[in-house]
């Protein structure tokens, strides 16, 4: 008899859940999706937001949004200043009471999957647009799963690309009317298949492959890092009026212990107890037949002191290195080279703290 009663109660609960889901799908989900899109586009003058589908997760108190696109209203040469395509956005553990009565947003987890973001730097108006939080927002964990990012500056040729990144932010909190800045993010994990940065004038490409950072261990691991000139030896130096060095380098098996960074980009402080470079192969080329211009170049210590952020690195170790210097002398028919092999070195107390 009791089993029959329990079965009826279970069937009743399941039926109620299905009824609520049916009512939600038919009456609430389409309207809510339109309300969210209208609210976002009304509050934002710079971007147009579109959503394909919205699903309400009753049991998990969440929302699943499919097919999100964000396009800037400003267009140059047929291209948007910012174009983002996101496959799904999943919000779990939404505190409805605080959202309704206190107008605060508290969410336990947000997962943003398969994002492709392309943009131009600087954005229209001469800089990155500021994002101001309309409400107090607290999120326990934000996960960007498979993030692909490509930013470019048309005037200088600079570009930045992130491929297949996994970015996790913990305990994200901003107050109402606060500007969302990189310094807002305190704890995070980051993995990426590849970072690519092209320098101004397209002279160099910098590549980082197989990078991972863990907030729990405060360590960074990098499989390989490349400094790659985009032109061959003589083609590279021919693009400069005066003598200059063409540097090509590969660094591998890099480990950064007790890594800590703080502040904004450009003035970011860096600290580490130990940095290890497993292997380095560097090639330097200089054509001395070109005109020489004497410049009072700062020494390494002066460059460190002039950095706007604080640097605190206890030691840097190079396990195995090779440097090849190739110079084409003024009256020589061919260049000459000298190599330094099996270099093992350590640098201690790298800091700009007076």
C-alpha atoms as a PDB file:
ATOM      1  CA  UNK A   1       0.000   0.000   0.000  1.00  0.00           C
ATOM      2  CA  UNK A   2       2.814   2.403   0.915  1.00  0.00           C
ATOM      3  CA  UNK A   3       4.660   1.563  -2.293  1.00  0.00           C
ATOM      4  CA  UNK A   4       1.552   2.422  -4.294  1.00  0.00           C
ATOM      5  CA  UNK A   5       1.265   5.756  -2.458  1.00  0.00           C
ATOM      6  CA  UNK A   6       4.930   6.596  -3.074  1.00  0.00           C
ATOM      7  CA  UNK A   7       4.510   5.694  -6.736  1.00  0.00           C
ATOM      8  CA  UNK A   8       1.504   7.995  -7.076  1.00  0.00           C
ATOM      9  CA  UNK A   9       3.411  10.851  -5.413  1.00  0.00           C
ATOM     10  CA  UNK A  10       6.392  10.289  -7.723  1.00  0.00           C
ATOM     11  CA  UNK A  11       4.151  10.188 -10.796  1.00  0.00           C
ATOM     12  CA  UNK A  12       2.439  13.363  -9.605  1.00  0.00           C
ATOM     13  CA  UNK A  13       5.757  15.193  -9.151  1.00  0.00           C
ATOM     14  CA  UNK A  14       7.004  14.103 -12.570  1.00  0.00           C
ATOM     15  CA  UNK A  15       3.711  15.148 -14.154  1.00  0.00           C
ATOM     16  CA  UNK A  16       3.903  18.546 -12.435  1.00  0.00           C
ATOM     17  CA  UNK A  17       7.462  19.090 -13.668  1.00  0.00           C
ATOM     18  CA  UNK A  18       6.482  18.202 -17.232  1.00  0.00           C
ATOM     19  CA  UNK A  19       3.430  20.487 -17.004  1.00  0.00           C
ATOM     20  CA  UNK A  20       5.565  23.374 -15.752  1.00  0.00           C
ATOM     21  CA  UNK A  21       8.081  22.754 -18.528  1.00  0.00           C
ATOM     22  CA  UNK A  22       5.292  22.629 -21.131  1.00  0.00           C
ATOM     23  CA  UNK A  23       3.773  25.889 -19.897  1.00  0.00           C
ATOM     24  CA  UNK A  24       7.211  27.481 -19.742  1.00  0.00           C
ATOM     25  CA  UNK A  25       8.145  26.442 -23.276  1.00  0.00           C
ATOM     26  CA  UNK A  26       4.823  27.541 -24.762  1.00  0.00           C
ATOM     27  CA  UNK A  27       4.178  30.794 -22.905  1.00  0.00           C
ATOM     28  CA  UNK A  28       7.308  32.104 -21.176  1.00  0.00           C
ATOM     29  CA  UNK A  29      10.443  31.166 -23.149  1.00  0.00           C
ATOM     30  CA  UNK A  30       9.640  33.001 -26.439  1.00  0.00           C
ATOM     31  CA  UNK A  31       8.527  36.143 -24.631  1.00  0.00           C
ATOM     32  CA  UNK A  32      11.451  36.146 -22.213  1.00  0.00           C
ATOM     33  CA  UNK A  33      13.963  35.805 -25.074  1.00  0.00           C
ATOM     34  CA  UNK A  34      12.457  38.830 -26.819  1.00  0.00           C
ATOM     35  CA  UNK A  35      12.418  40.843 -23.578  1.00  0.00           C
ATOM     36  CA  UNK A  36      16.117  40.113 -22.904  1.00  0.00           C
ATOM     37  CA  UNK A  37      17.141  41.040 -26.459  1.00  0.00           C
ATOM     38  CA  UNK A  38      15.074  44.239 -26.383  1.00  0.00           C
ATOM     39  CA  UNK A  39      16.496  45.232 -23.002  1.00  0.00           C
ATOM     40  CA  UNK A  40      20.100  44.613 -24.085  1.00  0.00           C
ATOM     41  CA  UNK A  41      19.725  46.542 -27.343  1.00  0.00           C
ATOM     42  CA  UNK A  42      17.894  49.432 -25.651  1.00  0.00           C
ATOM     43  CA  UNK A  43      20.575  49.882 -22.989  1.00  0.00           C
ATOM     44  CA  UNK A  44      23.485  49.547 -25.426  1.00  0.00           C
ATOM     45  CA  UNK A  45      24.107  52.125 -28.125  1.00  0.00           C
ATOM     46  CA  UNK A  46      27.183  50.453 -29.623  1.00  0.00           C
ATOM     47  CA  UNK A  47      26.134  46.843 -30.230  1.00  0.00           C
ATOM     48  CA  UNK A  48      23.271  44.765 -31.606  1.00  0.00           C
ATOM     49  CA  UNK A  49      22.523  41.508 -29.755  1.00  0.00           C
ATOM     50  CA  UNK A  50      20.553  38.618 -31.248  1.00  0.00           C
ATOM     51  CA  UNK A  51      19.438  35.314 -29.665  1.00  0.00           C
ATOM     52  CA  UNK A  52      18.088  32.293 -31.569  1.00  0.00           C
ATOM     53  CA  UNK A  53      16.604  30.272 -28.693  1.00  0.00           C
ATOM     54  CA  UNK A  54      16.159  30.522 -24.938  1.00  0.00           C
ATOM     55  CA  UNK A  55      15.350  27.593 -22.626  1.00  0.00           C
ATOM     56  CA  UNK A  56      14.435  27.873 -18.938  1.00  0.00           C
ATOM     57  CA  UNK A  57      15.956  25.174 -16.726  1.00  0.00           C
ATOM     58  CA  UNK A  58      13.404  24.636 -13.968  1.00  0.00           C
ATOM     59  CA  UNK A  59      15.161  22.056 -11.816  1.00  0.00           C
ATOM     60  CA  UNK A  60      18.585  23.759 -11.897  1.00  0.00           C
ATOM     61  CA  UNK A  61      17.161  27.306 -11.701  1.00  0.00           C
ATOM     62  CA  UNK A  62      18.943  28.340 -14.816  1.00  0.00           C
ATOM     63  CA  UNK A  63      18.753  29.468 -18.407  1.00  0.00           C
ATOM     64  CA  UNK A  64      20.209  28.012 -21.603  1.00  0.00           C
ATOM     65  CA  UNK A  65      20.675  30.473 -24.455  1.00  0.00           C
ATOM     66  CA  UNK A  66      21.512  29.227 -27.945  1.00  0.00           C
ATOM     67  CA  UNK A  67      22.872  31.110 -30.941  1.00  0.00           C
ATOM     68  CA  UNK A  68      24.062  34.434 -29.472  1.00  0.00           C
ATOM     69  CA  UNK A  69      25.486  37.000 -31.890  1.00  0.00           C
ATOM     70  CA  UNK A  70      26.893  40.415 -30.984  1.00  0.00           C
ATOM     71  CA  UNK A  71      27.744  42.927 -33.708  1.00  0.00           C
ATOM     72  CA  UNK A  72      28.933  46.497 -33.330  1.00  0.00           C
ATOM     73  CA  UNK A  73      26.797  49.122 -35.012  1.00  0.00           C
ATOM     74  CA  UNK A  74      29.919  50.852 -36.356  1.00  0.00           C
ATOM     75  CA  UNK A  75      31.168  49.344 -39.631  1.00  0.00           C
ATOM     76  CA  UNK A  76      34.409  50.230 -41.488  1.00  0.00           C
ATOM     77  CA  UNK A  77      35.245  48.966 -45.000  1.00  0.00           C
ATOM     78  CA  UNK A  78      32.446  46.421 -44.793  1.00  0.00           C
ATOM     79  CA  UNK A  79      33.729  44.912 -41.529  1.00  0.00           C
ATOM     80  CA  UNK A  80      32.314  45.242 -38.022  1.00  0.00           C
ATOM     81  CA  UNK A  81      34.484  46.723 -35.267  1.00  0.00           C
ATOM     82  CA  UNK A  82      33.356  43.761 -33.168  1.00  0.00           C
ATOM     83  CA  UNK A  83      31.673  40.542 -34.238  1.00  0.00           C
ATOM     84  CA  UNK A  84      30.995  37.696 -31.809  1.00  0.00           C
ATOM     85  CA  UNK A  85      29.294  34.357 -32.402  1.00  0.00           C
ATOM     86  CA  UNK A  86      28.562  32.167 -29.344  1.00  0.00           C
ATOM     87  CA  UNK A  87      27.049  28.710 -29.671  1.00  0.00           C
ATOM     88  CA  UNK A  88      25.568  28.449 -26.149  1.00  0.00           C
ATOM     89  CA  UNK A  89      25.455  30.369 -22.878  1.00  0.00           C
ATOM     90  CA  UNK A  90      24.346  28.330 -19.859  1.00  0.00           C
ATOM     91  CA  UNK A  91      23.515  29.966 -16.525  1.00  0.00           C
ATOM     92  CA  UNK A  92      23.031  27.694 -13.502  1.00  0.00           C
ATOM     93  CA  UNK A  93      21.964  28.470  -9.953  1.00  0.00           C
ATOM     94  CA  UNK A  94      20.273  31.836 -10.493  1.00  0.00           C
ATOM     95  CA  UNK A  95      19.069  33.445  -7.261  1.00  0.00           C
ATOM     96  CA  UNK A  96      15.616  34.613  -8.374  1.00  0.00           C
ATOM     97  CA  UNK A  97      14.698  36.219  -5.036  1.00  0.00           C
ATOM     98  CA  UNK A  98      17.673  38.599  -5.101  1.00  0.00           C
ATOM     99  CA  UNK A  99      17.135  39.338  -8.790  1.00  0.00           C
ATOM    100  CA  UNK A 100      13.455  40.236  -8.268  1.00  0.00           C
ATOM    101  CA  UNK A 101      13.470  41.999  -4.891  1.00  0.00           C
ATOM    102  CA  UNK A 102      17.012  43.417  -4.586  1.00  0.00           C
ATOM    103  CA  UNK A 103      17.848  43.784  -8.291  1.00  0.00           C
ATOM    104  CA  UNK A 104      21.129  41.934  -7.774  1.00  0.00           C
ATOM    105  CA  UNK A 105      22.336  39.184 -10.082  1.00  0.00           C
ATOM    106  CA  UNK A 106      23.841  36.156  -8.323  1.00  0.00           C
ATOM    107  CA  UNK A 107      24.652  33.072 -10.389  1.00  0.00           C
ATOM    108  CA  UNK A 108      26.583  29.997  -9.309  1.00  0.00           C
ATOM    109  CA  UNK A 109      28.028  29.194 -12.759  1.00  0.00           C
ATOM    110  CA  UNK A 110      28.065  30.571 -16.304  1.00  0.00           C
ATOM    111  CA  UNK A 111      29.403  28.441 -19.171  1.00  0.00           C
ATOM    112  CA  UNK A 112      30.048  30.116 -22.535  1.00  0.00           C
ATOM    113  CA  UNK A 113      30.783  27.476 -25.184  1.00  0.00           C
ATOM    114  CA  UNK A 114      32.355  27.721 -28.642  1.00  0.00           C
ATOM    115  CA  UNK A 115      32.921  31.467 -28.939  1.00  0.00           C
ATOM    116  CA  UNK A 116      34.393  33.148 -32.006  1.00  0.00           C
ATOM    117  CA  UNK A 117      35.179  36.827 -31.491  1.00  0.00           C
ATOM    118  CA  UNK A 118      36.715  39.142 -34.081  1.00  0.00           C
ATOM    119  CA  UNK A 119      37.350  42.834 -33.638  1.00  0.00           C
ATOM    120  CA  UNK A 120      39.429  45.864 -34.450  1.00  0.00           C
ATOM    121  CA  UNK A 121      41.736  47.819 -32.159  1.00  0.00           C
ATOM    122  CA  UNK A 122      41.191  50.590 -31.373  1.00  0.00           C
ATOM    123  CA  UNK A 123      37.423  50.498 -31.509  1.00  0.00           C
ATOM    124  CA  UNK A 124      35.524  53.444 -32.936  1.00  0.00           C
ATOM    125  CA  UNK A 125      35.986  56.465 -30.716  1.00  0.00           C
ATOM    126  CA  UNK A 126      39.691  55.923 -30.080  1.00  0.00           C
ATOM    127  CA  UNK A 127      39.761  53.187 -27.485  1.00  0.00           C
ATOM    128  CA  UNK A 128      38.263  50.100 -25.934  1.00  0.00           C
ATOM    129  CA  UNK A 129      34.652  50.797 -24.939  1.00  0.00           C
ATOM    130  CA  UNK A 130      34.046  50.799 -21.209  1.00  0.00           C
ATOM    131  CA  UNK A 131      31.610  48.228 -19.862  1.00  0.00           C
ATOM    132  CA  UNK A 132      29.598  49.540 -16.893  1.00  0.00           C
ATOM    133  CA  UNK A 133      27.651  47.034 -14.788  1.00  0.00           C
ATOM    134  CA  UNK A 134      23.944  48.046 -14.689  1.00  0.00           C
ATOM    135  CA  UNK A 135      23.394  45.889 -11.559  1.00  0.00           C
ATOM    136  CA  UNK A 136      25.435  44.257  -8.858  1.00  0.00           C
ATOM    137  CA  UNK A 137      26.669  41.036 -10.432  1.00  0.00           C
ATOM    138  CA  UNK A 138      28.189  38.091  -8.597  1.00  0.00           C
ATOM    139  CA  UNK A 139      29.135  34.839 -10.340  1.00  0.00           C
ATOM    140  CA  UNK A 140      30.762  31.889  -8.599  1.00  0.00           C
ATOM    141  CA  UNK A 141      32.470  30.621 -11.739  1.00  0.00           C
ATOM    142  CA  UNK A 142      32.611  31.744 -15.384  1.00  0.00           C
ATOM    143  CA  UNK A 143      33.868  29.235 -17.960  1.00  0.00           C
ATOM    144  CA  UNK A 144      34.805  30.136 -21.531  1.00  0.00           C
ATOM    145  CA  UNK A 145      34.991  26.741 -23.235  1.00  0.00           C
ATOM    146  CA  UNK A 146      36.743  26.729 -26.635  1.00  0.00           C
ATOM    147  CA  UNK A 147      37.340  30.473 -26.956  1.00  0.00           C
ATOM    148  CA  UNK A 148      38.724  31.797 -30.248  1.00  0.00           C
ATOM    149  CA  UNK A 149      39.698  35.465 -30.308  1.00  0.00           C
ATOM    150  CA  UNK A 150      41.119  37.607 -33.108  1.00  0.00           C
ATOM    151  CA  UNK A 151      41.818  41.339 -32.691  1.00  0.00           C
ATOM    152  CA  UNK A 152      43.484  43.573 -35.272  1.00  0.00           C
ATOM    153  CA  UNK A 153      44.649  47.163 -35.653  1.00  0.00           C
ATOM    154  CA  UNK A 154      44.293  48.204 -39.301  1.00  0.00           C
ATOM    155  CA  UNK A 155      46.397  51.356 -38.922  1.00  0.00           C
ATOM    156  CA  UNK A 156      49.507  49.621 -37.510  1.00  0.00           C
ATOM    157  CA  UNK A 157      49.070  46.043 -38.742  1.00  0.00           C
ATOM    158  CA  UNK A 158      49.226  44.686 -35.197  1.00  0.00           C
ATOM    159  CA  UNK A 159      47.061  41.674 -34.397  1.00  0.00           C
ATOM    160  CA  UNK A 160      46.409  39.268 -31.540  1.00  0.00           C
ATOM    161  CA  UNK A 161      44.964  35.765 -31.888  1.00  0.00           C
ATOM    162  CA  UNK A 162      43.943  33.198 -29.292  1.00  0.00           C
ATOM    163  CA  UNK A 163      43.092  29.680 -30.485  1.00  0.00           C
ATOM    164  CA  UNK A 164      41.090  27.035 -28.609  1.00  0.00           C
ATOM    165  CA  UNK A 165      41.348  28.721 -25.229  1.00  0.00           C
ATOM    166  CA  UNK A 166      39.734  27.552 -21.989  1.00  0.00           C
ATOM    167  CA  UNK A 167      39.350  30.459 -19.554  1.00  0.00           C
ATOM    168  CA  UNK A 168      37.889  30.029 -16.052  1.00  0.00           C
ATOM    169  CA  UNK A 169      37.184  32.954 -13.725  1.00  0.00           C
ATOM    170  CA  UNK A 170      36.343  32.388 -10.049  1.00  0.00           C
ATOM    171  CA  UNK A 171      34.401  34.602  -7.612  1.00  0.00           C
ATOM    172  CA  UNK A 172      33.617  37.326 -10.132  1.00  0.00           C
ATOM    173  CA  UNK A 173      31.989  40.331  -8.442  1.00  0.00           C
ATOM    174  CA  UNK A 174      31.252  43.875  -9.615  1.00  0.00           C
ATOM    175  CA  UNK A 175      29.130  46.493  -7.895  1.00  0.00           C
ATOM    176  CA  UNK A 176      26.403  48.495  -9.617  1.00  0.00           C
ATOM    177  CA  UNK A 177      27.824  51.187 -11.935  1.00  0.00           C
ATOM    178  CA  UNK A 178      31.348  49.757 -11.610  1.00  0.00           C
ATOM    179  CA  UNK A 179      33.492  49.647 -14.755  1.00  0.00           C
ATOM    180  CA  UNK A 180      34.466  46.102 -15.657  1.00  0.00           C
ATOM    181  CA  UNK A 181      38.276  46.072 -16.009  1.00  0.00           C
ATOM    182  CA  UNK A 182      40.915  43.295 -16.244  1.00  0.00           C
ATOM    183  CA  UNK A 183      41.836  44.086 -12.636  1.00  0.00           C
ATOM    184  CA  UNK A 184      38.331  42.937 -11.610  1.00  0.00           C
ATOM    185  CA  UNK A 185      39.415  39.356 -12.324  1.00  0.00           C
ATOM    186  CA  UNK A 186      41.402  37.991  -9.374  1.00  0.00           C
ATOM    187  CA  UNK A 187      41.374  34.188  -9.612  1.00  0.00           C
ATOM    188  CA  UNK A 188      41.465  32.456 -12.980  1.00  0.00           C
ATOM    189  CA  UNK A 189      42.764  29.436 -14.898  1.00  0.00           C
ATOM    190  CA  UNK A 190      43.847  29.677 -18.513  1.00  0.00           C
ATOM    191  CA  UNK A 191      44.754  27.102 -21.145  1.00  0.00           C
ATOM    192  CA  UNK A 192      45.349  27.773 -24.815  1.00  0.00           C
ATOM    193  CA  UNK A 193      46.532  25.814 -27.803  1.00  0.00           C
ATOM    194  CA  UNK A 194      48.136  28.900 -29.322  1.00  0.00           C
ATOM    195  CA  UNK A 195      48.659  32.643 -28.842  1.00  0.00           C
ATOM    196  CA  UNK A 196      49.792  34.636 -31.886  1.00  0.00           C
ATOM    197  CA  UNK A 197      50.799  38.307 -31.871  1.00  0.00           C
ATOM    198  CA  UNK A 198      51.947  40.218 -34.963  1.00  0.00           C
ATOM    199  CA  UNK A 199      53.997  43.347 -34.280  1.00  0.00           C
ATOM    200  CA  UNK A 200      53.469  46.793 -35.726  1.00  0.00           C
ATOM    201  CA  UNK A 201      54.484  46.929 -39.378  1.00  0.00           C
ATOM    202  CA  UNK A 202      54.233  43.136 -39.670  1.00  0.00           C
ATOM    203  CA  UNK A 203      57.956  42.724 -38.932  1.00  0.00           C
ATOM    204  CA  UNK A 204      57.672  40.029 -36.245  1.00  0.00           C
ATOM    205  CA  UNK A 205      55.264  37.276 -35.258  1.00  0.00           C
ATOM    206  CA  UNK A 206      55.339  36.089 -31.635  1.00  0.00           C
ATOM    207  CA  UNK A 207      53.854  32.645 -30.972  1.00  0.00           C
ATOM    208  CA  UNK A 208      53.155  30.804 -27.702  1.00  0.00           C
ATOM    209  CA  UNK A 209      52.021  27.186 -27.949  1.00  0.00           C
ATOM    210  CA  UNK A 210      50.671  24.864 -25.293  1.00  0.00           C
ATOM    211  CA  UNK A 211      50.255  27.371 -22.457  1.00  0.00           C
ATOM    212  CA  UNK A 212      48.514  26.684 -19.147  1.00  0.00           C
ATOM    213  CA  UNK A 213      48.141  28.758 -15.979  1.00  0.00           C
ATOM    214  CA  UNK A 214      46.630  27.479 -12.735  1.00  0.00           C
ATOM    215  CA  UNK A 215      45.471  29.795  -9.947  1.00  0.00           C
ATOM    216  CA  UNK A 216      45.711  26.924  -7.441  1.00  0.00           C
ATOM    217  CA  UNK A 217      49.441  26.355  -8.031  1.00  0.00           C
ATOM    218  CA  UNK A 218      50.274  29.897  -9.228  1.00  0.00           C
ATOM    219  CA  UNK A 219      52.400  28.414 -11.999  1.00  0.00           C
ATOM    220  CA  UNK A 220      52.671  28.835 -15.766  1.00  0.00           C
ATOM    221  CA  UNK A 221      53.791  26.127 -18.170  1.00  0.00           C
ATOM    222  CA  UNK A 222      54.575  26.756 -21.853  1.00  0.00           C
ATOM    223  CA  UNK A 223      55.559  24.102 -24.368  1.00  0.00           C
ATOM    224  CA  UNK A 224      57.255  26.484 -26.797  1.00  0.00           C
ATOM    225  CA  UNK A 225      57.609  30.181 -27.617  1.00  0.00           C
ATOM    226  CA  UNK A 226      58.760  31.628 -30.942  1.00  0.00           C
ATOM    227  CA  UNK A 227      60.144  34.994 -32.069  1.00  0.00           C
ATOM    228  CA  UNK A 228      59.691  34.743 -35.819  1.00  0.00           C
ATOM    229  CA  UNK A 229      60.715  37.540 -38.258  1.00  0.00           C
ATOM    230  CA  UNK A 230      58.300  37.742 -41.169  1.00  0.00           C
ATOM    231  CA  UNK A 231      61.099  38.388 -43.702  1.00  0.00           C
ATOM    232  CA  UNK A 232      64.383  36.670 -44.575  1.00  0.00           C
ATOM    233  CA  UNK A 233      67.747  38.104 -43.427  1.00  0.00           C
ATOM    234  CA  UNK A 234      68.484  40.632 -46.179  1.00  0.00           C
ATOM    235  CA  UNK A 235      64.830  41.334 -46.962  1.00  0.00           C
ATOM    236  CA  UNK A 236      64.308  42.181 -43.282  1.00  0.00           C
ATOM    237  CA  UNK A 237      67.307  44.540 -42.970  1.00  0.00           C
ATOM    238  CA  UNK A 238      66.536  46.201 -46.331  1.00  0.00           C
ATOM    239  CA  UNK A 239      63.334  47.570 -44.819  1.00  0.00           C
ATOM    240  CA  UNK A 240      65.350  49.720 -42.395  1.00  0.00           C
ATOM    241  CA  UNK A 241      67.468  52.709 -43.386  1.00  0.00           C
ATOM    242  CA  UNK A 242      70.067  52.037 -40.711  1.00  0.00           C
ATOM    243  CA  UNK A 243      71.732  48.920 -39.312  1.00  0.00           C
ATOM    244  CA  UNK A 244      69.459  46.775 -37.194  1.00  0.00           C
ATOM    245  CA  UNK A 245      69.420  43.291 -35.701  1.00  0.00           C
ATOM    246  CA  UNK A 246      67.142  40.585 -37.064  1.00  0.00           C
ATOM    247  CA  UNK A 247      66.411  38.185 -34.180  1.00  0.00           C
ATOM    248  CA  UNK A 248      64.938  34.721 -34.555  1.00  0.00           C
ATOM    249  CA  UNK A 249      64.490  32.544 -31.461  1.00  0.00           C
ATOM    250  CA  UNK A 250      62.830  29.422 -30.108  1.00  0.00           C
ATOM    251  CA  UNK A 251      62.305  28.812 -26.375  1.00  0.00           C
ATOM    252  CA  UNK A 252      60.917  25.512 -25.101  1.00  0.00           C
ATOM    253  CA  UNK A 253      59.911  23.826 -21.833  1.00  0.00           C
ATOM    254  CA  UNK A 254      59.257  27.065 -19.958  1.00  0.00           C
ATOM    255  CA  UNK A 255      58.104  26.956 -16.354  1.00  0.00           C
ATOM    256  CA  UNK A 256      57.208  29.948 -14.166  1.00  0.00           C
ATOM    257  CA  UNK A 257      56.863  29.273 -10.436  1.00  0.00           C
ATOM    258  CA  UNK A 258      54.830  31.428  -8.025  1.00  0.00           C
ATOM    259  CA  UNK A 259      53.620  33.610 -10.881  1.00  0.00           C
ATOM    260  CA  UNK A 260      51.617  36.669  -9.891  1.00  0.00           C
ATOM    261  CA  UNK A 261      50.383  39.588 -11.996  1.00  0.00           C
ATOM    262  CA  UNK A 262      48.302  42.607 -11.048  1.00  0.00           C
ATOM    263  CA  UNK A 263      47.170  45.939 -12.474  1.00  0.00           C
ATOM    264  CA  UNK A 264      46.034  46.865 -15.973  1.00  0.00           C
ATOM    265  CA  UNK A 265      47.652  46.110 -19.309  1.00  0.00           C
ATOM    266  CA  UNK A 266      50.670  48.354 -19.961  1.00  0.00           C
ATOM    267  CA  UNK A 267      51.359  48.879 -16.246  1.00  0.00           C
ATOM    268  CA  UNK A 268      50.968  45.275 -15.158  1.00  0.00           C
ATOM    269  CA  UNK A 269      53.193  44.174 -12.277  1.00  0.00           C
ATOM    270  CA  UNK A 270      54.950  40.805 -12.514  1.00  0.00           C
ATOM    271  CA  UNK A 271      56.481  38.645  -9.824  1.00  0.00           C
ATOM    272  CA  UNK A 272      57.878  35.109  -9.716  1.00  0.00           C
ATOM    273  CA  UNK A 273      60.168  33.113  -7.466  1.00  0.00           C
ATOM    274  CA  UNK A 274      61.745  31.204 -10.363  1.00  0.00           C
ATOM    275  CA  UNK A 275      61.572  31.049 -14.176  1.00  0.00           C
ATOM    276  CA  UNK A 276      63.138  28.105 -15.998  1.00  0.00           C
ATOM    277  CA  UNK A 277      63.826  27.881 -19.743  1.00  0.00           C
ATOM    278  CA  UNK A 278      64.634  24.321 -20.768  1.00  0.00           C
ATOM    279  CA  UNK A 279      66.098  25.116 -24.178  1.00  0.00           C
ATOM    280  CA  UNK A 280      66.856  28.223 -26.251  1.00  0.00           C
ATOM    281  CA  UNK A 281      68.024  28.569 -29.848  1.00  0.00           C
ATOM    282  CA  UNK A 282      68.648  32.166 -30.953  1.00  0.00           C
ATOM    283  CA  UNK A 283      69.931  33.508 -34.279  1.00  0.00           C
ATOM    284  CA  UNK A 284      70.952  37.149 -34.758  1.00  0.00           C
ATOM    285  CA  UNK A 285      71.721  38.701 -38.166  1.00  0.00           C
ATOM    286  CA  UNK A 286      73.144  42.174 -38.885  1.00  0.00           C
ATOM    287  CA  UNK A 287      74.103  43.759 -42.191  1.00  0.00           C
ATOM    288  CA  UNK A 288      76.930  46.211 -41.425  1.00  0.00           C
ATOM    289  CA  UNK A 289      77.085  47.454 -45.015  1.00  0.00           C
ATOM    290  CA  UNK A 290      74.118  49.663 -44.237  1.00  0.00           C
ATOM    291  CA  UNK A 291      74.524  53.121 -42.714  1.00  0.00           C
ATOM    292  CA  UNK A 292      75.171  53.135 -38.971  1.00  0.00           C
ATOM    293  CA  UNK A 293      73.287  55.499 -36.688  1.00  0.00           C
ATOM    294  CA  UNK A 294      74.627  55.976 -33.187  1.00  0.00           C
ATOM    295  CA  UNK A 295      71.952  55.969 -30.515  1.00  0.00           C
ATOM    296  CA  UNK A 296      72.279  56.222 -26.760  1.00  0.00           C
ATOM    297  CA  UNK A 297      70.450  53.004 -26.038  1.00  0.00           C
ATOM    298  CA  UNK A 298      69.509  52.299 -22.408  1.00  0.00           C
ATOM    299  CA  UNK A 299      71.253  49.402 -20.724  1.00  0.00           C
ATOM    300  CA  UNK A 300      69.183  46.471 -19.431  1.00  0.00           C
ATOM    301  CA  UNK A 301      68.907  47.855 -15.898  1.00  0.00           C
ATOM    302  CA  UNK A 302      67.643  51.207 -17.201  1.00  0.00           C
ATOM    303  CA  UNK A 303      65.004  49.422 -19.298  1.00  0.00           C
ATOM    304  CA  UNK A 304      63.841  47.492 -16.238  1.00  0.00           C
ATOM    305  CA  UNK A 305      63.643  50.638 -14.092  1.00  0.00           C
ATOM    306  CA  UNK A 306      61.673  52.485 -16.791  1.00  0.00           C
ATOM    307  CA  UNK A 307      58.969  49.783 -16.894  1.00  0.00           C
ATOM    308  CA  UNK A 308      55.809  51.363 -15.374  1.00  0.00           C
ATOM    309  CA  UNK A 309      54.786  48.227 -13.446  1.00  0.00           C
ATOM    310  CA  UNK A 310      56.568  46.537 -10.559  1.00  0.00           C
ATOM    311  CA  UNK A 311      58.924  43.626 -11.418  1.00  0.00           C
ATOM    312  CA  UNK A 312      60.034  41.097  -8.787  1.00  0.00           C
ATOM    313  CA  UNK A 313      61.740  37.964 -10.152  1.00  0.00           C
ATOM    314  CA  UNK A 314      64.046  36.068  -7.802  1.00  0.00           C
ATOM    315  CA  UNK A 315      65.904  34.036 -10.446  1.00  0.00           C
ATOM    316  CA  UNK A 316      65.844  32.948 -14.097  1.00  0.00           C
ATOM    317  CA  UNK A 317      67.562  29.744 -15.199  1.00  0.00           C
ATOM    318  CA  UNK A 318      68.576  28.720 -18.743  1.00  0.00           C
ATOM    319  CA  UNK A 319      69.294  24.986 -18.876  1.00  0.00           C
ATOM    320  CA  UNK A 320      70.622  24.684 -22.432  1.00  0.00           C
ATOM    321  CA  UNK A 321      71.069  27.482 -24.946  1.00  0.00           C
ATOM    322  CA  UNK A 322      72.618  28.246 -28.308  1.00  0.00           C
ATOM    323  CA  UNK A 323      73.272  31.668 -29.840  1.00  0.00           C
ATOM    324  CA  UNK A 324      74.476  32.189 -33.425  1.00  0.00           C
ATOM    325  CA  UNK A 325      75.606  35.674 -34.469  1.00  0.00           C
ATOM    326  CA  UNK A 326      75.851  36.309 -38.238  1.00  0.00           C
ATOM    327  CA  UNK A 327      77.323  39.585 -39.514  1.00  0.00           C
ATOM    328  CA  UNK A 328      77.887  40.792 -43.056  1.00  0.00           C
ATOM    329  CA  UNK A 329      80.893  43.121 -42.753  1.00  0.00           C
ATOM    330  CA  UNK A 330      81.204  46.294 -44.837  1.00  0.00           C
ATOM    331  CA  UNK A 331      83.708  45.009 -47.396  1.00  0.00           C
ATOM    332  CA  UNK A 332      82.928  41.293 -47.226  1.00  0.00           C
ATOM    333  CA  UNK A 333      81.377  39.296 -50.079  1.00  0.00           C
ATOM    334  CA  UNK A 334      79.688  36.870 -47.677  1.00  0.00           C
ATOM    335  CA  UNK A 335      78.546  37.004 -44.071  1.00  0.00           C
ATOM    336  CA  UNK A 336      80.476  35.370 -41.235  1.00  0.00           C
ATOM    337  CA  UNK A 337      79.118  33.583 -38.168  1.00  0.00           C
ATOM    338  CA  UNK A 338      80.087  32.719 -34.616  1.00  0.00           C
ATOM    339  CA  UNK A 339      78.161  30.363 -32.316  1.00  0.00           C
ATOM    340  CA  UNK A 340      77.958  29.814 -28.558  1.00  0.00           C
ATOM    341  CA  UNK A 341      76.697  26.314 -27.713  1.00  0.00           C
ATOM    342  CA  UNK A 342      75.490  24.532 -24.571  1.00  0.00           C
ATOM    343  CA  UNK A 343      74.920  27.761 -22.660  1.00  0.00           C
ATOM    344  CA  UNK A 344      73.889  27.292 -19.041  1.00  0.00           C
ATOM    345  CA  UNK A 345      73.155  30.461 -17.116  1.00  0.00           C
ATOM    346  CA  UNK A 346      71.262  31.982 -14.187  1.00  0.00           C
ATOM    347  CA  UNK A 347      70.193  35.536 -13.460  1.00  0.00           C
ATOM    348  CA  UNK A 348      69.326  36.560  -9.905  1.00  0.00           C
ATOM    349  CA  UNK A 349      67.227  39.341  -8.352  1.00  0.00           C
ATOM    350  CA  UNK A 350      65.622  40.932 -11.404  1.00  0.00           C
ATOM    351  CA  UNK A 351      63.689  43.894 -10.009  1.00  0.00           C
ATOM    352  CA  UNK A 352      62.934  47.587 -10.495  1.00  0.00           C
ATOM    353  CA  UNK A 353      62.137  48.172  -6.813  1.00  0.00           C
ATOM    354  CA  UNK A 354      64.535  50.851  -5.610  1.00  0.00           C
END
